Amino acid sequence: MITEYSQEFKESMLQKIFFNPDRSVVSFAREANVPGSTVATWVRNYKKKNGKIMGQKKRKQLWSAEKMFETVLLTAPMSEAEKSEYCRKQGIYPVQLKEWKEDCIAGCRNAPDKKYIKEAKELDSPKF
């Protein structure tokens, strides 16, 4: 028997997956009682069609670099529970705080090490 899933359900699953990159696609699939291969196909098709992660562009536009930096400083001494509460109130995700902190640290490097430069070049170089 083939199970049909509504577009709304698929989009809800994709949003959960993209906003929680620390968890695997399979873990979300199990939680929703959907075959992992089915959810993986939804993710692959979404990325092919849209070429970016859902919501990523919108989130970047809402927060200036200064606001992100201030938020990293403000939340640094907080416990995980306090950070989660702060994020809910601000409409952001804890994983974003982690990314912003990493971006701040990377931006503060006086002399980037060779490994960092190599990784940056690999990310920027076109793949054929």
PDB file of N, CA and C in Angstrom:
ATOM      1  N   MET A   1       0.834  -1.183   0.000  1.00  0.00           N
ATOM      2  CA  MET A   1       0.000   0.000   0.000  1.00  0.00           C
ATOM      3  C   MET A   1       0.885   1.255   0.000  1.00  0.00           C
ATOM      4  N   ILE A   2       0.602   2.170  -0.874  1.00  0.00           N
ATOM      5  CA  ILE A   2       1.360   3.410  -0.984  1.00  0.00           C
ATOM      6  C   ILE A   2       0.661   4.484  -0.155  1.00  0.00           C
ATOM      7  N   THR A   3       1.427   5.125   0.699  1.00  0.00           N
ATOM      8  CA  THR A   3       0.877   6.183   1.541  1.00  0.00           C
ATOM      9  C   THR A   3       1.172   7.523   0.902  1.00  0.00           C
ATOM     10  N   GLU A   4       0.154   8.351   0.810  1.00  0.00           N
ATOM     11  CA  GLU A   4       0.309   9.704   0.273  1.00  0.00           C
ATOM     12  C   GLU A   4       0.416  10.683   1.436  1.00  0.00           C
ATOM     13  N   TYR A   5       1.345  11.603   1.343  1.00  0.00           N
ATOM     14  CA  TYR A   5       1.523  12.619   2.372  1.00  0.00           C
ATOM     15  C   TYR A   5       1.164  13.979   1.793  1.00  0.00           C
ATOM     16  N   SER A   6       0.482  14.793   2.576  1.00  0.00           N
ATOM     17  CA  SER A   6       0.078  16.116   2.097  1.00  0.00           C
ATOM     18  C   SER A   6       1.309  17.014   1.935  1.00  0.00           C
ATOM     19  N   GLN A   7       1.171  17.996   1.082  1.00  0.00           N
ATOM     20  CA  GLN A   7       2.255  18.956   0.856  1.00  0.00           C
ATOM     21  C   GLN A   7       2.565  19.701   2.161  1.00  0.00           C
ATOM     22  N   GLU A   8       1.532  19.993   2.919  1.00  0.00           N
ATOM     23  CA  GLU A   8       1.715  20.684   4.194  1.00  0.00           C
ATOM     24  C   GLU A   8       2.553  19.847   5.165  1.00  0.00           C
ATOM     25  N   PHE A   9       2.289  18.547   5.213  1.00  0.00           N
ATOM     26  CA  PHE A   9       3.049  17.645   6.076  1.00  0.00           C
ATOM     27  C   PHE A   9       4.510  17.597   5.636  1.00  0.00           C
ATOM     28  N   LYS A  10       4.734  17.482   4.332  1.00  0.00           N
ATOM     29  CA  LYS A  10       6.103  17.435   3.810  1.00  0.00           C
ATOM     30  C   LYS A  10       6.868  18.711   4.169  1.00  0.00           C
ATOM     31  N   GLU A  11       6.225  19.863   3.963  1.00  0.00           N
ATOM     32  CA  GLU A  11       6.877  21.135   4.252  1.00  0.00           C
ATOM     33  C   GLU A  11       7.176  21.279   5.739  1.00  0.00           C
ATOM     34  N   SER A  12       6.271  20.791   6.569  1.00  0.00           N
ATOM     35  CA  SER A  12       6.491  20.817   8.009  1.00  0.00           C
ATOM     36  C   SER A  12       7.712  19.971   8.384  1.00  0.00           C
ATOM     37  N   MET A  13       7.814  18.792   7.803  1.00  0.00           N
ATOM     38  CA  MET A  13       8.965  17.914   8.055  1.00  0.00           C
ATOM     39  C   MET A  13      10.258  18.578   7.587  1.00  0.00           C
ATOM     40  N   LEU A  14      10.232  19.155   6.391  1.00  0.00           N
ATOM     41  CA  LEU A  14      11.431  19.805   5.849  1.00  0.00           C
ATOM     42  C   LEU A  14      11.871  20.967   6.731  1.00  0.00           C
ATOM     43  N   GLN A  15      10.921  21.735   7.213  1.00  0.00           N
ATOM     44  CA  GLN A  15      11.259  22.864   8.073  1.00  0.00           C
ATOM     45  C   GLN A  15      11.928  22.367   9.349  1.00  0.00           C
ATOM     46  N   LYS A  16      11.388  21.328   9.961  1.00  0.00           N
ATOM     47  CA  LYS A  16      11.988  20.767  11.173  1.00  0.00           C
ATOM     48  C   LYS A  16      13.417  20.291  10.894  1.00  0.00           C
ATOM     49  N   ILE A  17      13.605  19.628   9.771  1.00  0.00           N
ATOM     50  CA  ILE A  17      14.920  19.088   9.415  1.00  0.00           C
ATOM     51  C   ILE A  17      15.932  20.203   9.194  1.00  0.00           C
ATOM     52  N   PHE A  18      15.561  21.208   8.406  1.00  0.00           N
ATOM     53  CA  PHE A  18      16.501  22.269   8.070  1.00  0.00           C
ATOM     54  C   PHE A  18      16.824  23.178   9.250  1.00  0.00           C
ATOM     55  N   PHE A  19      15.891  23.327  10.192  1.00  0.00           N
ATOM     56  CA  PHE A  19      16.147  24.178  11.341  1.00  0.00           C
ATOM     57  C   PHE A  19      16.791  23.434  12.502  1.00  0.00           C
ATOM     58  N   ASN A  20      17.037  22.145  12.331  1.00  0.00           N
ATOM     59  CA  ASN A  20      17.684  21.327  13.358  1.00  0.00           C
ATOM     60  C   ASN A  20      18.771  20.473  12.717  1.00  0.00           C
ATOM     61  N   PRO A  21      19.827  21.097  12.198  1.00  0.00           N
ATOM     62  CA  PRO A  21      20.841  20.353  11.461  1.00  0.00           C
ATOM     63  C   PRO A  21      21.657  19.373  12.300  1.00  0.00           C
ATOM     64  N   ASP A  22      21.550  19.472  13.625  1.00  0.00           N
ATOM     65  CA  ASP A  22      22.293  18.544  14.478  1.00  0.00           C
ATOM     66  C   ASP A  22      21.649  17.164  14.525  1.00  0.00           C
ATOM     67  N   ARG A  23      20.411  17.071  14.096  1.00  0.00           N
ATOM     68  CA  ARG A  23      19.711  15.785  14.085  1.00  0.00           C
ATOM     69  C   ARG A  23      19.702  15.204  12.672  1.00  0.00           C
ATOM     70  N   SER A  24      19.649  13.885  12.605  1.00  0.00           N
ATOM     71  CA  SER A  24      19.647  13.223  11.298  1.00  0.00           C
ATOM     72  C   SER A  24      18.245  13.200  10.697  1.00  0.00           C
ATOM     73  N   VAL A  25      18.212  13.091   9.387  1.00  0.00           N
ATOM     74  CA  VAL A  25      16.943  12.983   8.667  1.00  0.00           C
ATOM     75  C   VAL A  25      16.199  11.739   9.146  1.00  0.00           C
ATOM     76  N   VAL A  26      16.927  10.665   9.359  1.00  0.00           N
ATOM     77  CA  VAL A  26      16.319   9.405   9.796  1.00  0.00           C
ATOM     78  C   VAL A  26      15.627   9.570  11.144  1.00  0.00           C
ATOM     79  N   SER A  27      16.209  10.350  12.050  1.00  0.00           N
ATOM     80  CA  SER A  27      15.588  10.532  13.366  1.00  0.00           C
ATOM     81  C   SER A  27      14.238  11.235  13.244  1.00  0.00           C
ATOM     82  N   PHE A  28      14.153  12.213  12.344  1.00  0.00           N
ATOM     83  CA  PHE A  28      12.872  12.884  12.111  1.00  0.00           C
ATOM     84  C   PHE A  28      11.875  11.927  11.461  1.00  0.00           C
ATOM     85  N   ALA A  29      12.359  11.124  10.537  1.00  0.00           N
ATOM     86  CA  ALA A  29      11.490  10.164   9.859  1.00  0.00           C
ATOM     87  C   ALA A  29      10.902   9.167  10.858  1.00  0.00           C
ATOM     88  N   ARG A  30      11.741   8.633  11.719  1.00  0.00           N
ATOM     89  CA  ARG A  30      11.263   7.682  12.742  1.00  0.00           C
ATOM     90  C   ARG A  30      10.227   8.326  13.645  1.00  0.00           C
ATOM     91  N   GLU A  31      10.503   9.558  14.045  1.00  0.00           N
ATOM     92  CA  GLU A  31       9.594  10.286  14.931  1.00  0.00           C
ATOM     93  C   GLU A  31       8.207  10.448  14.298  1.00  0.00           C
ATOM     94  N   ALA A  32       8.155  10.606  12.988  1.00  0.00           N
ATOM     95  CA  ALA A  32       6.892  10.815  12.274  1.00  0.00           C
ATOM     96  C   ALA A  32       6.340   9.521  11.670  1.00  0.00           C
ATOM     97  N   ASN A  33       7.022   8.405  11.904  1.00  0.00           N
ATOM     98  CA  ASN A  33       6.607   7.117  11.333  1.00  0.00           C
ATOM     99  C   ASN A  33       6.527   7.148   9.808  1.00  0.00           C
ATOM    100  N   VAL A  34       7.567   7.720   9.211  1.00  0.00           N
ATOM    101  CA  VAL A  34       7.684   7.801   7.753  1.00  0.00           C
ATOM    102  C   VAL A  34       9.002   7.125   7.384  1.00  0.00           C
ATOM    103  N   PRO A  35       9.043   6.340   6.314  1.00  0.00           N
ATOM    104  CA  PRO A  35      10.307   5.717   5.920  1.00  0.00           C
ATOM    105  C   PRO A  35      11.406   6.764   5.697  1.00  0.00           C
ATOM    106  N   GLY A  36      12.597   6.474   6.194  1.00  0.00           N
ATOM    107  CA  GLY A  36      13.720   7.400   6.061  1.00  0.00           C
ATOM    108  C   GLY A  36      14.043   7.741   4.616  1.00  0.00           C
ATOM    109  N   SER A  37      13.920   6.754   3.734  1.00  0.00           N
ATOM    110  CA  SER A  37      14.221   7.004   2.318  1.00  0.00           C
ATOM    111  C   SER A  37      13.223   7.986   1.705  1.00  0.00           C
ATOM    112  N   THR A  38      11.992   7.951   2.180  1.00  0.00           N
ATOM    113  CA  THR A  38      10.971   8.879   1.683  1.00  0.00           C
ATOM    114  C   THR A  38      11.325  10.306   2.082  1.00  0.00           C
ATOM    115  N   VAL A  39      11.669  10.499   3.350  1.00  0.00           N
ATOM    116  CA  VAL A  39      12.017  11.833   3.825  1.00  0.00           C
ATOM    117  C   VAL A  39      13.304  12.322   3.155  1.00  0.00           C
ATOM    118  N   ALA A  40      14.268  11.430   2.970  1.00  0.00           N
ATOM    119  CA  ALA A  40      15.514  11.801   2.286  1.00  0.00           C
ATOM    120  C   ALA A  40      15.226  12.274   0.858  1.00  0.00           C
ATOM    121  N   THR A  41      14.271  11.644   0.205  1.00  0.00           N
ATOM    122  CA  THR A  41      13.872  12.065  -1.142  1.00  0.00           C
ATOM    123  C   THR A  41      13.254  13.456  -1.113  1.00  0.00           C
ATOM    124  N   TRP A  42      12.420  13.732  -0.118  1.00  0.00           N
ATOM    125  CA  TRP A  42      11.830  15.064   0.009  1.00  0.00           C
ATOM    126  C   TRP A  42      12.919  16.123   0.168  1.00  0.00           C
ATOM    127  N   VAL A  43      13.916  15.823   0.993  1.00  0.00           N
ATOM    128  CA  VAL A  43      15.015  16.764   1.228  1.00  0.00           C
ATOM    129  C   VAL A  43      15.795  16.994  -0.072  1.00  0.00           C
ATOM    130  N   ARG A  44      16.145  15.898  -0.746  1.00  0.00           N
ATOM    131  CA  ARG A  44      16.906  15.998  -1.992  1.00  0.00           C
ATOM    132  C   ARG A  44      16.134  16.792  -3.039  1.00  0.00           C
ATOM    133  N   ASN A  45      14.849  16.512  -3.198  1.00  0.00           N
ATOM    134  CA  ASN A  45      14.030  17.223  -4.183  1.00  0.00           C
ATOM    135  C   ASN A  45      13.893  18.700  -3.836  1.00  0.00           C
ATOM    136  N   TYR A  46      13.752  19.001  -2.564  1.00  0.00           N
ATOM    137  CA  TYR A  46      13.645  20.400  -2.151  1.00  0.00           C
ATOM    138  C   TYR A  46      14.923  21.158  -2.503  1.00  0.00           C
ATOM    139  N   LYS A  47      16.061  20.548  -2.178  1.00  0.00           N
ATOM    140  CA  LYS A  47      17.338  21.213  -2.461  1.00  0.00           C
ATOM    141  C   LYS A  47      17.562  21.394  -3.958  1.00  0.00           C
ATOM    142  N   LYS A  48      17.177  20.393  -4.759  1.00  0.00           N
ATOM    143  CA  LYS A  48      17.315  20.515  -6.218  1.00  0.00           C
ATOM    144  C   LYS A  48      16.444  21.649  -6.741  1.00  0.00           C
ATOM    145  N   LYS A  49      15.234  21.717  -6.247  1.00  0.00           N
ATOM    146  CA  LYS A  49      14.277  22.710  -6.729  1.00  0.00           C
ATOM    147  C   LYS A  49      14.619  24.124  -6.282  1.00  0.00           C
ATOM    148  N   ASN A  50      15.031  24.272  -5.025  1.00  0.00           N
ATOM    149  CA  ASN A  50      15.214  25.604  -4.454  1.00  0.00           C
ATOM    150  C   ASN A  50      16.655  26.053  -4.328  1.00  0.00           C
ATOM    151  N   GLY A  51      17.583  25.120  -4.340  1.00  0.00           N
ATOM    152  CA  GLY A  51      18.993  25.462  -4.304  1.00  0.00           C
ATOM    153  C   GLY A  51      19.487  26.073  -3.010  1.00  0.00           C
ATOM    154  N   LYS A  52      18.672  26.058  -1.979  1.00  0.00           N
ATOM    155  CA  LYS A  52      19.090  26.593  -0.689  1.00  0.00           C
ATOM    156  C   LYS A  52      18.260  25.943   0.406  1.00  0.00           C
ATOM    157  N   ILE A  53      18.695  26.168   1.624  1.00  0.00           N
ATOM    158  CA  ILE A  53      17.970  25.619   2.765  1.00  0.00           C
ATOM    159  C   ILE A  53      16.802  26.537   3.112  1.00  0.00           C
ATOM    160  N   MET A  54      15.676  25.934   3.379  1.00  0.00           N
ATOM    161  CA  MET A  54      14.454  26.653   3.700  1.00  0.00           C
ATOM    162  C   MET A  54      14.674  27.677   4.812  1.00  0.00           C
ATOM    163  N   GLY A  55      14.237  28.905   4.581  1.00  0.00           N
ATOM    164  CA  GLY A  55      14.280  29.927   5.608  1.00  0.00           C
ATOM    165  C   GLY A  55      15.628  30.595   5.814  1.00  0.00           C
ATOM    166  N   GLN A  56      16.675  30.088   5.196  1.00  0.00           N
ATOM    167  CA  GLN A  56      18.016  30.602   5.469  1.00  0.00           C
ATOM    168  C   GLN A  56      18.149  32.074   5.054  1.00  0.00           C
ATOM    169  N   LYS A  57      17.688  32.433   3.863  1.00  0.00           N
ATOM    170  CA  LYS A  57      17.830  33.793   3.375  1.00  0.00           C
ATOM    171  C   LYS A  57      17.045  34.769   4.243  1.00  0.00           C
ATOM    172  N   LYS A  58      15.843  34.405   4.602  1.00  0.00           N
ATOM    173  CA  LYS A  58      14.995  35.267   5.413  1.00  0.00           C
ATOM    174  C   LYS A  58      15.634  35.546   6.774  1.00  0.00           C
ATOM    175  N   ARG A  59      16.146  34.533   7.431  1.00  0.00           N
ATOM    176  CA  ARG A  59      16.751  34.705   8.748  1.00  0.00           C
ATOM    177  C   ARG A  59      17.966  35.619   8.667  1.00  0.00           C
ATOM    178  N   LYS A  60      18.784  35.479   7.641  1.00  0.00           N
ATOM    179  CA  LYS A  60      19.994  36.291   7.517  1.00  0.00           C
ATOM    180  C   LYS A  60      19.625  37.770   7.367  1.00  0.00           C
ATOM    181  N   GLN A  61      18.530  38.072   6.644  1.00  0.00           N
ATOM    182  CA  GLN A  61      18.149  39.452   6.403  1.00  0.00           C
ATOM    183  C   GLN A  61      17.592  40.131   7.652  1.00  0.00           C
ATOM    184  N   LEU A  62      16.993  39.369   8.528  1.00  0.00           N
ATOM    185  CA  LEU A  62      16.358  39.951   9.699  1.00  0.00           C
ATOM    186  C   LEU A  62      17.352  40.434  10.749  1.00  0.00           C
ATOM    187  N   TRP A  63      18.515  39.863  10.786  1.00  0.00           N
ATOM    188  CA  TRP A  63      19.483  40.172  11.830  1.00  0.00           C
ATOM    189  C   TRP A  63      20.747  40.766  11.217  1.00  0.00           C
ATOM    190  N   SER A  64      21.101  41.973  11.659  1.00  0.00           N
ATOM    191  CA  SER A  64      22.347  42.586  11.195  1.00  0.00           C
ATOM    192  C   SER A  64      23.514  41.909  11.901  1.00  0.00           C
ATOM    193  N   ALA A  65      24.700  42.116  11.375  1.00  0.00           N
ATOM    194  CA  ALA A  65      25.901  41.538  11.977  1.00  0.00           C
ATOM    195  C   ALA A  65      26.071  42.043  13.414  1.00  0.00           C
ATOM    196  N   GLU A  66      25.775  43.322  13.632  1.00  0.00           N
ATOM    197  CA  GLU A  66      25.897  43.896  14.966  1.00  0.00           C
ATOM    198  C   GLU A  66      24.924  43.235  15.938  1.00  0.00           C
ATOM    199  N   LYS A  67      23.695  43.021  15.469  1.00  0.00           N
ATOM    200  CA  LYS A  67      22.666  42.402  16.320  1.00  0.00           C
ATOM    201  C   LYS A  67      23.051  40.944  16.638  1.00  0.00           C
ATOM    202  N   MET A  68      23.591  40.234  15.658  1.00  0.00           N
ATOM    203  CA  MET A  68      24.029  38.860  15.900  1.00  0.00           C
ATOM    204  C   MET A  68      25.145  38.837  16.941  1.00  0.00           C
ATOM    205  N   PHE A  69      26.102  39.750  16.800  1.00  0.00           N
ATOM    206  CA  PHE A  69      27.231  39.820  17.738  1.00  0.00           C
ATOM    207  C   PHE A  69      26.740  40.144  19.152  1.00  0.00           C
ATOM    208  N   GLU A  70      25.843  41.118  19.263  1.00  0.00           N
ATOM    209  CA  GLU A  70      25.280  41.483  20.561  1.00  0.00           C
ATOM    210  C   GLU A  70      24.554  40.295  21.195  1.00  0.00           C
ATOM    211  N   THR A  71      23.842  39.538  20.378  1.00  0.00           N
ATOM    212  CA  THR A  71      23.108  38.375  20.872  1.00  0.00           C
ATOM    213  C   THR A  71      24.055  37.296  21.359  1.00  0.00           C
ATOM    214  N   VAL A  72      25.154  37.082  20.635  1.00  0.00           N
ATOM    215  CA  VAL A  72      26.158  36.102  21.066  1.00  0.00           C
ATOM    216  C   VAL A  72      26.721  36.512  22.423  1.00  0.00           C
ATOM    217  N   LEU A  73      27.045  37.786  22.577  1.00  0.00           N
ATOM    218  CA  LEU A  73      27.582  38.272  23.855  1.00  0.00           C
ATOM    219  C   LEU A  73      26.551  38.148  24.976  1.00  0.00           C
ATOM    220  N   LEU A  74      25.327  38.514  24.681  1.00  0.00           N
ATOM    221  CA  LEU A  74      24.266  38.474  25.685  1.00  0.00           C
ATOM    222  C   LEU A  74      23.979  37.046  26.165  1.00  0.00           C
ATOM    223  N   THR A  75      23.988  36.102  25.249  1.00  0.00           N
ATOM    224  CA  THR A  75      23.615  34.726  25.595  1.00  0.00           C
ATOM    225  C   THR A  75      24.791  33.870  26.062  1.00  0.00           C
ATOM    226  N   ALA A  76      26.005  34.347  25.926  1.00  0.00           N
ATOM    227  CA  ALA A  76      27.183  33.548  26.294  1.00  0.00           C
ATOM    228  C   ALA A  76      27.136  33.021  27.731  1.00  0.00           C
ATOM    229  N   PRO A  77      26.775  33.834  28.723  1.00  0.00           N
ATOM    230  CA  PRO A  77      26.770  33.304  30.096  1.00  0.00           C
ATOM    231  C   PRO A  77      25.517  32.507  30.461  1.00  0.00           C
ATOM    232  N   MET A  78      24.556  32.416  29.543  1.00  0.00           N
ATOM    233  CA  MET A  78      23.293  31.734  29.845  1.00  0.00           C
ATOM    234  C   MET A  78      23.439  30.218  29.814  1.00  0.00           C
ATOM    235  N   SER A  79      22.595  29.558  30.587  1.00  0.00           N
ATOM    236  CA  SER A  79      22.513  28.091  30.531  1.00  0.00           C
ATOM    237  C   SER A  79      21.777  27.712  29.251  1.00  0.00           C
ATOM    238  N   GLU A  80      21.809  26.440  28.903  1.00  0.00           N
ATOM    239  CA  GLU A  80      21.117  25.984  27.691  1.00  0.00           C
ATOM    240  C   GLU A  80      19.618  26.270  27.773  1.00  0.00           C
ATOM    241  N   ALA A  81      19.032  26.075  28.947  1.00  0.00           N
ATOM    242  CA  ALA A  81      17.596  26.333  29.131  1.00  0.00           C
ATOM    243  C   ALA A  81      17.287  27.816  28.927  1.00  0.00           C
ATOM    244  N   GLU A  82      18.144  28.678  29.483  1.00  0.00           N
ATOM    245  CA  GLU A  82      17.942  30.121  29.319  1.00  0.00           C
ATOM    246  C   GLU A  82      18.101  30.539  27.859  1.00  0.00           C
ATOM    247  N   LYS A  83      19.088  29.937  27.181  1.00  0.00           N
ATOM    248  CA  LYS A  83      19.283  30.240  25.757  1.00  0.00           C
ATOM    249  C   LYS A  83      18.068  29.818  24.949  1.00  0.00           C
ATOM    250  N   SER A  84      17.542  28.645  25.242  1.00  0.00           N
ATOM    251  CA  SER A  84      16.362  28.157  24.519  1.00  0.00           C
ATOM    252  C   SER A  84      15.175  29.094  24.723  1.00  0.00           C
ATOM    253  N   GLU A  85      14.975  29.532  25.952  1.00  0.00           N
ATOM    254  CA  GLU A  85      13.876  30.461  26.244  1.00  0.00           C
ATOM    255  C   GLU A  85      14.084  31.785  25.496  1.00  0.00           C
ATOM    256  N   TYR A  86      15.309  32.294  25.529  1.00  0.00           N
ATOM    257  CA  TYR A  86      15.631  33.541  24.825  1.00  0.00           C
ATOM    258  C   TYR A  86      15.346  33.383  23.327  1.00  0.00           C
ATOM    259  N   CYS A  87      15.775  32.263  22.770  1.00  0.00           N
ATOM    260  CA  CYS A  87      15.572  32.020  21.337  1.00  0.00           C
ATOM    261  C   CYS A  87      14.092  31.987  20.986  1.00  0.00           C
ATOM    262  N   ARG A  88      13.301  31.312  21.800  1.00  0.00           N
ATOM    263  CA  ARG A  88      11.857  31.256  21.538  1.00  0.00           C
ATOM    264  C   ARG A  88      11.262  32.656  21.507  1.00  0.00           C
ATOM    265  N   LYS A  89      11.674  33.482  22.467  1.00  0.00           N
ATOM    266  CA  LYS A  89      11.135  34.845  22.540  1.00  0.00           C
ATOM    267  C   LYS A  89      11.571  35.696  21.350  1.00  0.00           C
ATOM    268  N   GLN A  90      12.767  35.424  20.838  1.00  0.00           N
ATOM    269  CA  GLN A  90      13.316  36.215  19.731  1.00  0.00           C
ATOM    270  C   GLN A  90      12.960  35.651  18.356  1.00  0.00           C
ATOM    271  N   GLY A  91      12.384  34.451  18.322  1.00  0.00           N
ATOM    272  CA  GLY A  91      12.024  33.834  17.045  1.00  0.00           C
ATOM    273  C   GLY A  91      13.220  33.273  16.296  1.00  0.00           C
ATOM    274  N   ILE A  92      14.239  32.854  17.035  1.00  0.00           N
ATOM    275  CA  ILE A  92      15.412  32.239  16.419  1.00  0.00           C
ATOM    276  C   ILE A  92      15.612  30.857  17.025  1.00  0.00           C
ATOM    277  N   TYR A  93      16.598  30.134  16.526  1.00  0.00           N
ATOM    278  CA  TYR A  93      16.886  28.789  16.992  1.00  0.00           C
ATOM    279  C   TYR A  93      18.257  28.743  17.667  1.00  0.00           C
ATOM    280  N   PRO A  94      18.395  27.872  18.681  1.00  0.00           N
ATOM    281  CA  PRO A  94      19.692  27.754  19.358  1.00  0.00           C
ATOM    282  C   PRO A  94      20.842  27.436  18.401  1.00  0.00           C
ATOM    283  N   VAL A  95      20.559  26.677  17.360  1.00  0.00           N
ATOM    284  CA  VAL A  95      21.619  26.351  16.403  1.00  0.00           C
ATOM    285  C   VAL A  95      22.129  27.614  15.709  1.00  0.00           C
ATOM    286  N   GLN A  96      21.261  28.609  15.557  1.00  0.00           N
ATOM    287  CA  GLN A  96      21.701  29.868  14.964  1.00  0.00           C
ATOM    288  C   GLN A  96      22.708  30.571  15.886  1.00  0.00           C
ATOM    289  N   LEU A  97      22.434  30.537  17.184  1.00  0.00           N
ATOM    290  CA  LEU A  97      23.383  31.141  18.131  1.00  0.00           C
ATOM    291  C   LEU A  97      24.757  30.503  17.994  1.00  0.00           C
ATOM    292  N   LYS A  98      24.751  29.174  17.869  1.00  0.00           N
ATOM    293  CA  LYS A  98      26.013  28.449  17.726  1.00  0.00           C
ATOM    294  C   LYS A  98      26.735  28.884  16.443  1.00  0.00           C
ATOM    295  N   GLU A  99      25.994  28.997  15.343  1.00  0.00           N
ATOM    296  CA  GLU A  99      26.588  29.427  14.072  1.00  0.00           C
ATOM    297  C   GLU A  99      27.138  30.845  14.187  1.00  0.00           C
ATOM    298  N   TRP A 100      26.358  31.733  14.819  1.00  0.00           N
ATOM    299  CA  TRP A 100      26.801  33.124  14.965  1.00  0.00           C
ATOM    300  C   TRP A 100      28.064  33.202  15.812  1.00  0.00           C
ATOM    301  N   LYS A 101      28.133  32.401  16.869  1.00  0.00           N
ATOM    302  CA  LYS A 101      29.326  32.392  17.714  1.00  0.00           C
ATOM    303  C   LYS A 101      30.535  31.940  16.908  1.00  0.00           C
ATOM    304  N   GLU A 102      30.373  30.879  16.114  1.00  0.00           N
ATOM    305  CA  GLU A 102      31.469  30.388  15.276  1.00  0.00           C
ATOM    306  C   GLU A 102      31.888  31.440  14.262  1.00  0.00           C
ATOM    307  N   ASP A 103      30.908  32.163  13.684  1.00  0.00           N
ATOM    308  CA  ASP A 103      31.214  33.227  12.733  1.00  0.00           C
ATOM    309  C   ASP A 103      31.995  34.353  13.414  1.00  0.00           C
ATOM    310  N   CYS A 104      31.598  34.697  14.640  1.00  0.00           N
ATOM    311  CA  CYS A 104      32.305  35.746  15.393  1.00  0.00           C
ATOM    312  C   CYS A 104      33.749  35.340  15.664  1.00  0.00           C
ATOM    313  N   ILE A 105      33.936  34.112  16.083  1.00  0.00           N
ATOM    314  CA  ILE A 105      35.287  33.621  16.370  1.00  0.00           C
ATOM    315  C   ILE A 105      36.129  33.628  15.098  1.00  0.00           C
ATOM    316  N   ALA A 106      35.553  33.147  13.998  1.00  0.00           N
ATOM    317  CA  ALA A 106      36.284  33.130  12.725  1.00  0.00           C
ATOM    318  C   ALA A 106      36.640  34.543  12.271  1.00  0.00           C
ATOM    319  N   GLY A 107      35.741  35.494  12.523  1.00  0.00           N
ATOM    320  CA  GLY A 107      35.985  36.877  12.117  1.00  0.00           C
ATOM    321  C   GLY A 107      37.029  37.579  12.955  1.00  0.00           C
ATOM    322  N   CYS A 108      37.301  37.055  14.123  1.00  0.00           N
ATOM    323  CA  CYS A 108      38.277  37.677  15.032  1.00  0.00           C
ATOM    324  C   CYS A 108      39.693  37.158  14.840  1.00  0.00           C
ATOM    325  N   ARG A 109      39.887  36.254  13.936  1.00  0.00           N
ATOM    326  CA  ARG A 109      41.222  35.707  13.718  1.00  0.00           C
ATOM    327  C   ARG A 109      42.139  36.793  13.166  1.00  0.00           C
ATOM    328  N   ASN A 110      43.286  36.987  13.811  1.00  0.00           N
ATOM    329  CA  ASN A 110      44.252  37.972  13.334  1.00  0.00           C
ATOM    330  C   ASN A 110      44.973  37.460  12.096  1.00  0.00           C
ATOM    331  N   ALA A 111      45.409  36.220  12.162  1.00  0.00           N
ATOM    332  CA  ALA A 111      46.103  35.595  11.047  1.00  0.00           C
ATOM    333  C   ALA A 111      45.509  34.196  10.885  1.00  0.00           C
ATOM    334  N   PRO A 112      44.587  34.047   9.958  1.00  0.00           N
ATOM    335  CA  PRO A 112      43.957  32.742   9.799  1.00  0.00           C
ATOM    336  C   PRO A 112      44.999  31.652   9.553  1.00  0.00           C
ATOM    337  N   ASP A 113      44.803  30.525  10.211  1.00  0.00           N
ATOM    338  CA  ASP A 113      45.745  29.433  10.017  1.00  0.00           C
ATOM    339  C   ASP A 113      45.562  28.788   8.640  1.00  0.00           C
ATOM    340  N   LYS A 114      46.535  27.994   8.234  1.00  0.00           N
ATOM    341  CA  LYS A 114      46.522  27.403   6.901  1.00  0.00           C
ATOM    342  C   LYS A 114      45.315  26.493   6.681  1.00  0.00           C
ATOM    343  N   LYS A 115      44.930  25.755   7.718  1.00  0.00           N
ATOM    344  CA  LYS A 115      43.776  24.852   7.605  1.00  0.00           C
ATOM    345  C   LYS A 115      42.514  25.662   7.304  1.00  0.00           C
ATOM    346  N   TYR A 116      42.316  26.782   8.010  1.00  0.00           N
ATOM    347  CA  TYR A 116      41.146  27.626   7.816  1.00  0.00           C
ATOM    348  C   TYR A 116      41.130  28.197   6.395  1.00  0.00           C
ATOM    349  N   ILE A 117      42.264  28.661   5.906  1.00  0.00           N
ATOM    350  CA  ILE A 117      42.358  29.213   4.553  1.00  0.00           C
ATOM    351  C   ILE A 117      42.042  28.143   3.515  1.00  0.00           C
ATOM    352  N   LYS A 118      42.595  26.942   3.700  1.00  0.00           N
ATOM    353  CA  LYS A 118      42.361  25.839   2.770  1.00  0.00           C
ATOM    354  C   LYS A 118      40.884  25.486   2.718  1.00  0.00           C
ATOM    355  N   GLU A 119      40.233  25.391   3.891  1.00  0.00           N
ATOM    356  CA  GLU A 119      38.804  25.066   3.933  1.00  0.00           C
ATOM    357  C   GLU A 119      37.983  26.134   3.227  1.00  0.00           C
ATOM    358  N   ALA A 120      38.319  27.394   3.451  1.00  0.00           N
ATOM    359  CA  ALA A 120      37.589  28.494   2.822  1.00  0.00           C
ATOM    360  C   ALA A 120      37.744  28.454   1.307  1.00  0.00           C
ATOM    361  N   LYS A 121      38.954  28.169   0.831  1.00  0.00           N
ATOM    362  CA  LYS A 121      39.187  28.092  -0.608  1.00  0.00           C
ATOM    363  C   LYS A 121      38.416  26.929  -1.224  1.00  0.00           C
ATOM    364  N   GLU A 122      38.385  25.792  -0.523  1.00  0.00           N
ATOM    365  CA  GLU A 122      37.657  24.625  -1.035  1.00  0.00           C
ATOM    366  C   GLU A 122      36.174  24.913  -1.139  1.00  0.00           C
ATOM    367  N   LEU A 123      35.630  25.650  -0.187  1.00  0.00           N
ATOM    368  CA  LEU A 123      34.217  25.991  -0.225  1.00  0.00           C
ATOM    369  C   LEU A 123      33.889  26.968  -1.353  1.00  0.00           C
ATOM    370  N   ASP A 124      34.824  27.879  -1.626  1.00  0.00           N
ATOM    371  CA  ASP A 124      34.601  28.900  -2.651  1.00  0.00           C
ATOM    372  C   ASP A 124      34.886  28.441  -4.069  1.00  0.00           C
ATOM    373  N   SER A 125      35.704  27.396  -4.218  1.00  0.00           N
ATOM    374  CA  SER A 125      36.086  26.974  -5.563  1.00  0.00           C
ATOM    375  C   SER A 125      34.954  26.193  -6.226  1.00  0.00           C
ATOM    376  N   PRO A 126      34.703  26.475  -7.506  1.00  0.00           N
ATOM    377  CA  PRO A 126      33.644  25.750  -8.223  1.00  0.00           C
ATOM    378  C   PRO A 126      34.046  24.293  -8.460  1.00  0.00           C
ATOM    379  N   LYS A 127      33.081  23.407  -8.384  1.00  0.00           N
ATOM    380  CA  LYS A 127      33.346  21.980  -8.587  1.00  0.00           C
ATOM    381  C   LYS A 127      32.767  21.547  -9.930  1.00  0.00           C
ATOM    382  N   PHE A 128      33.594  20.898 -10.709  1.00  0.00           N
ATOM    383  CA  PHE A 128      33.162  20.464 -12.040  1.00  0.00           C
ATOM    384  C   PHE A 128      33.045  18.976 -12.088  1.00  0.00           C
TER     385      PHE A 128
END
